[in-house]
Amino acid sequence: MLKTMQEATQRIVQERIERSAEMSAYQSAQKTKNHSELCANLLDQIIDIADEAYNHQQRNDSKEIDSRNWHEWV
């Protein structure tokens, strides 16, 4: 009976170790996914600002951009 209880305890410990490893891998994947989404959003915003700046320069036929526009875009 003692041996059976020890085996059951070892099984439980092993299952918890495996579950912990699974959770760690899942959390790591989620962290990577979140960072990727954040980077994609930031890059989209940078491209949008660059596009607005280019369009502004084309509309005004000028290379200068008023600081008020930068404040509005950012």
C-alpha atoms as a PDB file:
ATOM      1  CA  MET A   1       0.000   0.000   0.000  1.00  0.00           C
ATOM      2  CA  LEU A   2       2.822   2.407   0.829  1.00  0.00           C
ATOM      3  CA  LYS A   3       4.436   1.688  -2.531  1.00  0.00           C
ATOM      4  CA  THR A   4       1.162   2.418  -4.331  1.00  0.00           C
ATOM      5  CA  MET A   5       0.831   5.732  -2.511  1.00  0.00           C
ATOM      6  CA  GLN A   6       4.409   6.651  -3.378  1.00  0.00           C
ATOM      7  CA  GLU A   7       3.804   5.825  -7.036  1.00  0.00           C
ATOM      8  CA  ALA A   8       0.622   7.902  -7.029  1.00  0.00           C
ATOM      9  CA  THR A   9       2.492  10.808  -5.450  1.00  0.00           C
ATOM     10  CA  GLN A  10       5.277  10.533  -8.025  1.00  0.00           C
ATOM     11  CA  ARG A  11       2.709  10.511 -10.830  1.00  0.00           C
ATOM     12  CA  ILE A  12       1.071  13.636  -9.440  1.00  0.00           C
ATOM     13  CA  VAL A  13       4.429  15.383  -9.090  1.00  0.00           C
ATOM     14  CA  GLN A  14       5.374  14.425 -12.657  1.00  0.00           C
ATOM     15  CA  GLU A  15       2.028  15.656 -13.993  1.00  0.00           C
ATOM     16  CA  ARG A  16       2.507  18.980 -12.205  1.00  0.00           C
ATOM     17  CA  ILE A  17       6.022  19.334 -13.603  1.00  0.00           C
ATOM     18  CA  GLU A  18       4.711  18.676 -17.115  1.00  0.00           C
ATOM     19  CA  ARG A  19       1.823  21.092 -16.624  1.00  0.00           C
ATOM     20  CA  SER A  20       4.205  23.740 -15.336  1.00  0.00           C
ATOM     21  CA  ALA A  21       6.376  23.325 -18.440  1.00  0.00           C
ATOM     22  CA  GLU A  22       3.289  23.596 -20.660  1.00  0.00           C
ATOM     23  CA  MET A  23       2.161  26.753 -18.883  1.00  0.00           C
ATOM     24  CA  SER A  24       5.624  28.265 -19.169  1.00  0.00           C
ATOM     25  CA  ALA A  25       5.692  27.574 -22.916  1.00  0.00           C
ATOM     26  CA  TYR A  26       2.177  29.032 -23.311  1.00  0.00           C
ATOM     27  CA  GLN A  27       3.099  32.175 -21.375  1.00  0.00           C
ATOM     28  CA  SER A  28       6.223  32.609 -23.464  1.00  0.00           C
ATOM     29  CA  ALA A  29       4.206  32.247 -26.672  1.00  0.00           C
ATOM     30  CA  GLN A  30       1.635  34.769 -25.411  1.00  0.00           C
ATOM     31  CA  LYS A  31       4.378  37.231 -24.501  1.00  0.00           C
ATOM     32  CA  THR A  32       5.889  36.898 -27.982  1.00  0.00           C
ATOM     33  CA  LYS A  33       2.454  37.332 -29.574  1.00  0.00           C
ATOM     34  CA  ASN A  34       1.739  40.439 -27.484  1.00  0.00           C
ATOM     35  CA  HIS A  35       5.110  41.969 -28.357  1.00  0.00           C
ATOM     36  CA  SER A  36       4.567  41.214 -32.048  1.00  0.00           C
ATOM     37  CA  GLU A  37       1.153  42.883 -31.984  1.00  0.00           C
ATOM     38  CA  LEU A  38       2.556  45.908 -30.162  1.00  0.00           C
ATOM     39  CA  CYS A  39       5.413  46.245 -32.659  1.00  0.00           C
ATOM     40  CA  ALA A  40       3.028  45.892 -35.596  1.00  0.00           C
ATOM     41  CA  ASN A  41       0.775  48.627 -34.183  1.00  0.00           C
ATOM     42  CA  LEU A  42       3.715  50.955 -33.552  1.00  0.00           C
ATOM     43  CA  LEU A  43       5.054  50.375 -37.044  1.00  0.00           C
ATOM     44  CA  ASP A  44       1.616  51.100 -38.523  1.00  0.00           C
ATOM     45  CA  GLN A  45       1.464  54.361 -36.595  1.00  0.00           C
ATOM     46  CA  ILE A  46       4.966  55.381 -37.732  1.00  0.00           C
ATOM     47  CA  ILE A  47       4.069  54.625 -41.347  1.00  0.00           C
ATOM     48  CA  ASP A  48       0.831  56.610 -41.001  1.00  0.00           C
ATOM     49  CA  ILE A  49       2.750  59.621 -39.661  1.00  0.00           C
ATOM     50  CA  ALA A  50       5.334  59.353 -42.444  1.00  0.00           C
ATOM     51  CA  ASP A  51       2.534  59.137 -45.016  1.00  0.00           C
ATOM     52  CA  GLU A  52       0.795  62.193 -43.547  1.00  0.00           C
ATOM     53  CA  ALA A  53       4.079  64.111 -43.579  1.00  0.00           C
ATOM     54  CA  TYR A  54       4.682  63.174 -47.212  1.00  0.00           C
ATOM     55  CA  ASN A  55       1.129  64.132 -48.231  1.00  0.00           C
ATOM     56  CA  HIS A  56       1.476  67.425 -46.367  1.00  0.00           C
ATOM     57  CA  GLN A  57       4.719  68.197 -48.181  1.00  0.00           C
ATOM     58  CA  GLN A  58       3.122  67.375 -51.532  1.00  0.00           C
ATOM     59  CA  ARG A  59       0.036  69.503 -50.844  1.00  0.00           C
ATOM     60  CA  ASN A  60       2.067  72.500 -49.714  1.00  0.00           C
ATOM     61  CA  ASP A  61       4.937  71.980 -52.158  1.00  0.00           C
ATOM     62  CA  SER A  62       7.313  72.484 -49.249  1.00  0.00           C
ATOM     63  CA  LYS A  63       9.820  70.393 -47.370  1.00  0.00           C
ATOM     64  CA  GLU A  64       9.038  72.133 -44.104  1.00  0.00           C
ATOM     65  CA  ILE A  65       6.392  70.800 -41.758  1.00  0.00           C
ATOM     66  CA  ASP A  66       4.777  73.048 -39.201  1.00  0.00           C
ATOM     67  CA  SER A  67       5.187  71.878 -35.603  1.00  0.00           C
ATOM     68  CA  ARG A  68       1.418  72.106 -35.150  1.00  0.00           C
ATOM     69  CA  ASN A  69       1.037  69.306 -37.682  1.00  0.00           C
ATOM     70  CA  TRP A  70       3.515  67.131 -35.818  1.00  0.00           C
ATOM     71  CA  HIS A  71       1.586  67.645 -32.584  1.00  0.00           C
ATOM     72  CA  GLU A  72      -1.646  66.720 -34.335  1.00  0.00           C
ATOM     73  CA  TRP A  73      -0.177  63.569 -35.903  1.00  0.00           C
ATOM     74  CA  VAL A  74       1.566  62.392 -32.776  1.00  0.00           C
END
